[in-house]
């Protein structure tokens, strides 16, 4: 289970560098905050980690913080480097590979929410 850093009713301040830590292998996931509508996670992947193709029932936004890798989204390869921003609608097939240690911020939101 991922550690939770804060909750929706508490203010929080820190530097991202203080939160990023890489496992020797695999993935370290930290839930930054979660409420009824969204969840924000920090993902830290060890170099060489592969996530096989899968889908999510939620919309997802990925913001690459550190490292390099590739994301295959709907069959299209996207290079992941610091500053890259990717939006994935719910149910879009995607896979990920970390070429180096890779950190990204993931925001999940309910797919059934309508923009106002």
N, C-alpha and C. Protein backbone atom coordinates (compact mmCIF):
# COMPACT_ATOMS: atom_id res chain seq x y z
N UNK A 1 0.84 -1.19 0.00
CA UNK A 1 0.00 0.00 0.00
C UNK A 1 0.88 1.24 0.00
N UNK A 2 0.47 2.24 -0.72
CA UNK A 2 1.24 3.48 -0.82
C UNK A 2 1.05 4.33 0.43
N UNK A 3 2.09 5.03 0.81
CA UNK A 3 2.01 5.96 1.93
C UNK A 3 1.25 7.20 1.50
N UNK A 4 0.49 7.79 2.41
CA UNK A 4 -0.23 9.03 2.13
C UNK A 4 0.50 10.18 2.79
N UNK A 5 0.79 11.23 2.03
CA UNK A 5 1.58 12.35 2.52
C UNK A 5 0.72 13.34 3.29
N UNK A 6 -0.45 13.68 2.77
CA UNK A 6 -1.31 14.65 3.45
C UNK A 6 -2.76 14.29 3.17
N UNK A 7 -3.69 15.09 3.67
CA UNK A 7 -5.11 14.82 3.43
C UNK A 7 -5.79 16.10 2.95
N UNK A 8 -7.01 16.01 2.41
CA UNK A 8 -7.66 17.17 1.80
C UNK A 8 -7.95 18.32 2.76
N UNK A 9 -7.91 18.09 4.05
CA UNK A 9 -8.25 19.15 5.01
C UNK A 9 -7.05 19.77 5.69
N UNK A 10 -5.85 19.46 5.20
CA UNK A 10 -4.62 19.94 5.83
C UNK A 10 -3.76 20.66 4.80
N UNK A 11 -3.22 21.81 5.18
CA UNK A 11 -2.27 22.47 4.29
C UNK A 11 -0.94 21.72 4.37
N UNK A 12 -0.15 21.84 3.31
CA UNK A 12 1.11 21.11 3.25
C UNK A 12 2.07 21.88 2.36
N UNK A 13 3.33 21.90 2.75
CA UNK A 13 4.35 22.56 1.95
C UNK A 13 5.67 21.82 2.10
N UNK A 14 6.35 21.58 0.99
CA UNK A 14 7.66 20.94 1.00
C UNK A 14 8.25 21.13 -0.39
N UNK A 15 9.46 20.69 -0.59
CA UNK A 15 10.10 20.70 -1.90
C UNK A 15 9.97 19.30 -2.50
N UNK A 16 9.67 19.24 -3.79
CA UNK A 16 9.53 17.93 -4.44
C UNK A 16 10.76 17.07 -4.23
N UNK A 17 11.94 17.66 -4.29
CA UNK A 17 13.18 16.91 -4.12
C UNK A 17 13.18 16.13 -2.81
N UNK A 18 12.52 16.66 -1.79
CA UNK A 18 12.48 15.99 -0.49
C UNK A 18 11.58 14.76 -0.51
N UNK A 19 10.67 14.67 -1.46
CA UNK A 19 9.72 13.57 -1.54
C UNK A 19 10.17 12.45 -2.48
N UNK A 20 11.03 12.81 -3.44
CA UNK A 20 11.46 11.83 -4.44
C UNK A 20 12.50 10.89 -3.84
N UNK A 21 12.23 9.60 -3.92
CA UNK A 21 13.19 8.57 -3.53
C UNK A 21 12.94 7.35 -4.41
N UNK A 22 14.02 6.75 -4.84
CA UNK A 22 13.90 5.64 -5.78
C UNK A 22 14.14 4.30 -5.09
N UNK A 23 13.31 3.32 -5.41
CA UNK A 23 13.57 1.97 -4.90
C UNK A 23 14.72 1.34 -5.70
N UNK A 24 15.30 0.26 -5.18
CA UNK A 24 16.34 -0.44 -5.93
C UNK A 24 15.76 -1.07 -7.19
N UNK A 25 14.52 -1.59 -7.08
CA UNK A 25 13.81 -2.15 -8.22
C UNK A 25 12.35 -1.77 -8.09
N UNK A 26 11.65 -1.75 -9.21
CA UNK A 26 10.20 -1.54 -9.18
C UNK A 26 9.78 -0.10 -8.97
N UNK A 27 8.67 0.04 -8.24
CA UNK A 27 7.98 1.32 -8.12
C UNK A 27 7.76 1.68 -6.67
N UNK A 28 7.99 2.95 -6.35
CA UNK A 28 7.61 3.51 -5.06
C UNK A 28 6.55 4.56 -5.35
N UNK A 29 5.36 4.36 -4.81
CA UNK A 29 4.24 5.27 -5.03
C UNK A 29 3.86 5.92 -3.71
N UNK A 30 3.70 7.24 -3.75
CA UNK A 30 3.26 7.98 -2.57
C UNK A 30 2.00 8.75 -2.95
N UNK A 31 0.93 8.51 -2.22
CA UNK A 31 -0.30 9.29 -2.45
C UNK A 31 -0.09 10.64 -1.79
N UNK A 32 -0.13 11.69 -2.59
CA UNK A 32 0.03 13.02 -2.02
C UNK A 32 -1.25 13.42 -1.31
N UNK A 33 -2.37 13.35 -2.02
CA UNK A 33 -3.66 13.67 -1.43
C UNK A 33 -4.75 12.96 -2.24
N UNK A 34 -5.82 12.59 -1.56
CA UNK A 34 -6.93 11.89 -2.21
C UNK A 34 -8.23 12.39 -1.62
N UNK A 35 -9.21 12.68 -2.51
CA UNK A 35 -10.54 13.03 -2.04
C UNK A 35 -11.56 12.29 -2.90
N UNK A 36 -12.80 12.69 -2.84
CA UNK A 36 -13.85 11.99 -3.59
C UNK A 36 -13.75 12.14 -5.10
N UNK A 37 -12.99 13.14 -5.58
CA UNK A 37 -12.96 13.44 -7.01
C UNK A 37 -11.61 13.21 -7.67
N UNK A 38 -10.53 13.39 -6.91
CA UNK A 38 -9.20 13.26 -7.50
C UNK A 38 -8.23 12.56 -6.54
N UNK A 39 -7.15 12.11 -7.13
CA UNK A 39 -6.04 11.56 -6.34
C UNK A 39 -4.76 12.00 -7.01
N UNK A 40 -3.82 12.50 -6.22
CA UNK A 40 -2.52 12.91 -6.74
C UNK A 40 -1.45 12.02 -6.13
N UNK A 41 -0.61 11.46 -7.00
CA UNK A 41 0.43 10.53 -6.56
C UNK A 41 1.78 10.97 -7.09
N UNK A 42 2.81 10.67 -6.32
CA UNK A 42 4.18 10.76 -6.78
C UNK A 42 4.64 9.34 -7.07
N UNK A 43 5.07 9.08 -8.29
CA UNK A 43 5.59 7.77 -8.67
C UNK A 43 7.09 7.89 -8.89
N UNK A 44 7.85 7.00 -8.28
CA UNK A 44 9.29 6.92 -8.47
C UNK A 44 9.61 5.51 -8.95
N UNK A 45 10.12 5.39 -10.17
CA UNK A 45 10.41 4.09 -10.77
C UNK A 45 11.91 3.90 -10.88
N UNK A 46 12.37 2.73 -10.50
CA UNK A 46 13.78 2.39 -10.67
C UNK A 46 14.06 2.19 -12.15
N UNK A 47 15.28 2.50 -12.54
CA UNK A 47 15.71 2.29 -13.92
C UNK A 47 15.41 0.86 -14.35
N UNK A 48 14.85 0.71 -15.55
CA UNK A 48 14.54 -0.61 -16.09
C UNK A 48 13.16 -1.12 -15.76
N UNK A 49 12.42 -0.40 -14.94
CA UNK A 49 11.07 -0.83 -14.57
C UNK A 49 10.14 -0.73 -15.78
N UNK A 50 9.32 -1.75 -15.96
CA UNK A 50 8.36 -1.79 -17.07
C UNK A 50 6.96 -2.00 -16.49
N UNK A 51 6.02 -1.19 -16.93
CA UNK A 51 4.61 -1.39 -16.62
C UNK A 51 3.95 -1.87 -17.91
N UNK A 52 3.46 -3.08 -17.91
CA UNK A 52 2.81 -3.64 -19.09
C UNK A 52 1.55 -2.84 -19.43
N UNK A 53 1.08 -2.98 -20.66
CA UNK A 53 -0.11 -2.24 -21.10
C UNK A 53 -1.29 -2.52 -20.19
N UNK A 54 -1.99 -1.46 -19.83
CA UNK A 54 -3.16 -1.54 -18.97
C UNK A 54 -4.04 -0.32 -19.23
N UNK A 55 -5.17 -0.26 -18.59
CA UNK A 55 -6.06 0.90 -18.68
C UNK A 55 -6.45 1.32 -17.26
N UNK A 56 -7.08 2.48 -17.17
CA UNK A 56 -7.58 2.98 -15.89
C UNK A 56 -9.00 3.49 -16.10
N UNK A 57 -9.83 3.34 -15.12
CA UNK A 57 -11.19 3.84 -15.19
C UNK A 57 -11.25 5.35 -14.94
N UNK A 58 -10.09 5.95 -14.65
CA UNK A 58 -10.04 7.39 -14.37
C UNK A 58 -9.23 8.11 -15.44
N UNK A 59 -9.49 9.40 -15.60
CA UNK A 59 -8.64 10.25 -16.42
C UNK A 59 -7.32 10.40 -15.69
N UNK A 60 -6.23 10.58 -16.43
CA UNK A 60 -4.92 10.70 -15.80
C UNK A 60 -4.11 11.81 -16.48
N UNK A 61 -3.42 12.57 -15.65
CA UNK A 61 -2.46 13.56 -16.13
C UNK A 61 -1.11 13.22 -15.52
N UNK A 62 -0.09 13.12 -16.37
CA UNK A 62 1.26 12.79 -15.94
C UNK A 62 2.15 14.00 -16.18
N UNK A 63 2.93 14.38 -15.16
CA UNK A 63 3.92 15.45 -15.28
C UNK A 63 5.27 14.86 -14.88
N UNK A 64 6.20 14.78 -15.83
CA UNK A 64 7.51 14.18 -15.57
C UNK A 64 8.37 15.17 -14.81
N UNK A 65 8.94 14.69 -13.70
CA UNK A 65 9.76 15.52 -12.83
C UNK A 65 11.26 15.30 -13.05
N UNK A 66 11.65 14.02 -13.11
CA UNK A 66 13.06 13.65 -13.26
C UNK A 66 13.16 12.39 -14.10
N UNK A 67 14.32 12.23 -14.74
CA UNK A 67 14.62 10.98 -15.41
C UNK A 67 14.11 10.91 -16.83
N UNK A 68 14.24 9.69 -17.38
CA UNK A 68 13.83 9.45 -18.76
C UNK A 68 13.13 8.11 -18.88
N UNK A 69 12.23 8.04 -19.84
CA UNK A 69 11.52 6.80 -20.12
C UNK A 69 10.66 6.98 -21.33
N UNK A 70 9.75 6.03 -21.53
CA UNK A 70 8.82 6.15 -22.63
C UNK A 70 7.46 5.65 -22.19
N UNK A 71 6.44 6.29 -22.73
CA UNK A 71 5.05 5.95 -22.48
C UNK A 71 4.45 5.60 -23.84
N UNK A 72 3.83 4.45 -23.91
CA UNK A 72 3.09 4.11 -25.13
C UNK A 72 1.62 4.30 -24.81
N UNK A 73 0.99 5.25 -25.49
CA UNK A 73 -0.40 5.64 -25.24
C UNK A 73 -1.19 5.48 -26.53
N UNK A 74 -2.19 4.61 -26.51
CA UNK A 74 -2.98 4.32 -27.71
C UNK A 74 -2.08 3.95 -28.89
N UNK A 75 -1.00 3.20 -28.60
CA UNK A 75 -0.09 2.75 -29.64
C UNK A 75 0.96 3.76 -30.07
N UNK A 76 0.93 4.98 -29.52
CA UNK A 76 1.89 6.02 -29.88
C UNK A 76 2.93 6.15 -28.78
N UNK A 77 4.22 6.13 -29.17
CA UNK A 77 5.30 6.26 -28.21
C UNK A 77 5.56 7.73 -27.90
N UNK A 78 5.63 8.04 -26.60
CA UNK A 78 5.91 9.39 -26.13
C UNK A 78 7.16 9.34 -25.27
N UNK A 79 8.18 10.12 -25.62
CA UNK A 79 9.39 10.18 -24.81
C UNK A 79 9.10 10.96 -23.54
N UNK A 80 9.47 10.38 -22.42
CA UNK A 80 9.29 11.02 -21.13
C UNK A 80 10.61 11.62 -20.65
N UNK A 81 10.64 12.93 -20.53
CA UNK A 81 11.78 13.68 -20.02
C UNK A 81 11.23 14.76 -19.10
N UNK A 82 12.06 15.35 -18.25
CA UNK A 82 11.54 16.37 -17.33
C UNK A 82 10.78 17.49 -18.07
N UNK A 83 9.61 17.80 -17.55
CA UNK A 83 8.77 18.84 -18.13
C UNK A 83 7.69 18.34 -19.07
N UNK A 84 7.77 17.08 -19.48
CA UNK A 84 6.75 16.54 -20.38
C UNK A 84 5.44 16.37 -19.61
N UNK A 85 4.37 16.76 -20.25
CA UNK A 85 3.02 16.69 -19.69
C UNK A 85 2.15 15.85 -20.63
N UNK A 86 1.45 14.86 -20.06
CA UNK A 86 0.62 13.97 -20.87
C UNK A 86 -0.74 13.84 -20.21
N UNK A 87 -1.80 13.93 -21.01
CA UNK A 87 -3.16 13.67 -20.53
C UNK A 87 -3.64 12.38 -21.16
N UNK A 88 -4.22 11.50 -20.34
CA UNK A 88 -4.77 10.23 -20.82
C UNK A 88 -6.22 10.13 -20.39
N UNK A 89 -7.14 10.08 -21.33
CA UNK A 89 -8.54 9.88 -20.94
C UNK A 89 -8.74 8.48 -20.36
N UNK A 90 -9.76 8.32 -19.58
CA UNK A 90 -10.10 7.03 -18.99
C UNK A 90 -10.17 5.96 -20.08
N UNK A 91 -9.73 4.77 -19.75
CA UNK A 91 -9.78 3.57 -20.60
C UNK A 91 -8.80 3.58 -21.77
N UNK A 92 -7.91 4.57 -21.84
CA UNK A 92 -6.90 4.58 -22.92
C UNK A 92 -5.80 3.58 -22.58
N UNK A 93 -5.50 2.64 -23.46
CA UNK A 93 -4.45 1.68 -23.17
C UNK A 93 -3.08 2.37 -23.16
N UNK A 94 -2.29 2.03 -22.14
CA UNK A 94 -0.97 2.65 -22.01
C UNK A 94 -0.01 1.69 -21.30
N UNK A 95 1.29 1.87 -21.59
CA UNK A 95 2.37 1.11 -20.98
C UNK A 95 3.52 2.08 -20.75
N UNK A 96 4.42 1.73 -19.84
CA UNK A 96 5.49 2.65 -19.48
C UNK A 96 6.78 1.89 -19.24
N UNK A 97 7.89 2.50 -19.61
CA UNK A 97 9.21 1.93 -19.33
C UNK A 97 10.14 3.04 -18.87
N UNK A 98 10.84 2.80 -17.75
CA UNK A 98 11.81 3.76 -17.22
C UNK A 98 13.20 3.42 -17.74
N UNK A 99 13.79 4.30 -18.54
CA UNK A 99 15.15 4.09 -19.05
C UNK A 99 16.18 4.40 -17.97
N UNK A 100 15.88 5.38 -17.12
CA UNK A 100 16.69 5.75 -15.97
C UNK A 100 15.73 5.82 -14.78
N UNK A 101 16.22 6.11 -13.59
CA UNK A 101 15.29 6.39 -12.51
C UNK A 101 14.35 7.49 -13.00
N UNK A 102 13.06 7.31 -12.78
CA UNK A 102 12.05 8.19 -13.35
C UNK A 102 11.04 8.58 -12.28
N UNK A 103 10.81 9.87 -12.13
CA UNK A 103 9.81 10.36 -11.18
C UNK A 103 8.78 11.18 -11.94
N UNK A 104 7.50 10.92 -11.63
CA UNK A 104 6.44 11.72 -12.24
C UNK A 104 5.29 11.90 -11.25
N UNK A 105 4.57 12.98 -11.47
CA UNK A 105 3.38 13.31 -10.70
C UNK A 105 2.19 12.82 -11.51
N UNK A 106 1.31 12.07 -10.87
CA UNK A 106 0.13 11.52 -11.54
C UNK A 106 -1.11 12.07 -10.86
N UNK A 107 -1.98 12.67 -11.64
CA UNK A 107 -3.27 13.16 -11.14
C UNK A 107 -4.37 12.33 -11.77
N UNK A 108 -5.13 11.65 -10.95
CA UNK A 108 -6.28 10.86 -11.41
C UNK A 108 -7.55 11.62 -11.09
N UNK A 109 -8.47 11.66 -12.05
CA UNK A 109 -9.75 12.34 -11.81
C UNK A 109 -10.88 11.47 -12.34
N UNK A 110 -12.04 11.63 -11.76
CA UNK A 110 -13.20 10.85 -12.16
C UNK A 110 -13.53 11.09 -13.62
N UNK A 111 -13.75 10.04 -14.35
CA UNK A 111 -14.04 10.13 -15.78
C UNK A 111 -15.41 10.69 -16.06
N UNK A 112 -16.32 10.57 -15.13
CA UNK A 112 -17.70 11.00 -15.37
C UNK A 112 -17.95 12.45 -15.00
N UNK A 113 -16.91 13.19 -14.61
CA UNK A 113 -17.07 14.60 -14.26
C UNK A 113 -17.20 15.43 -15.52
N UNK A 114 -18.17 16.30 -15.58
CA UNK A 114 -18.38 17.19 -16.71
C UNK A 114 -17.76 18.55 -16.41
N UNK A 115 -17.06 19.13 -17.38
CA UNK A 115 -16.51 20.47 -17.21
C UNK A 115 -17.66 21.47 -17.18
N UNK A 116 -17.51 22.45 -16.33
CA UNK A 116 -18.58 23.47 -16.23
C UNK A 116 -18.17 24.76 -16.88
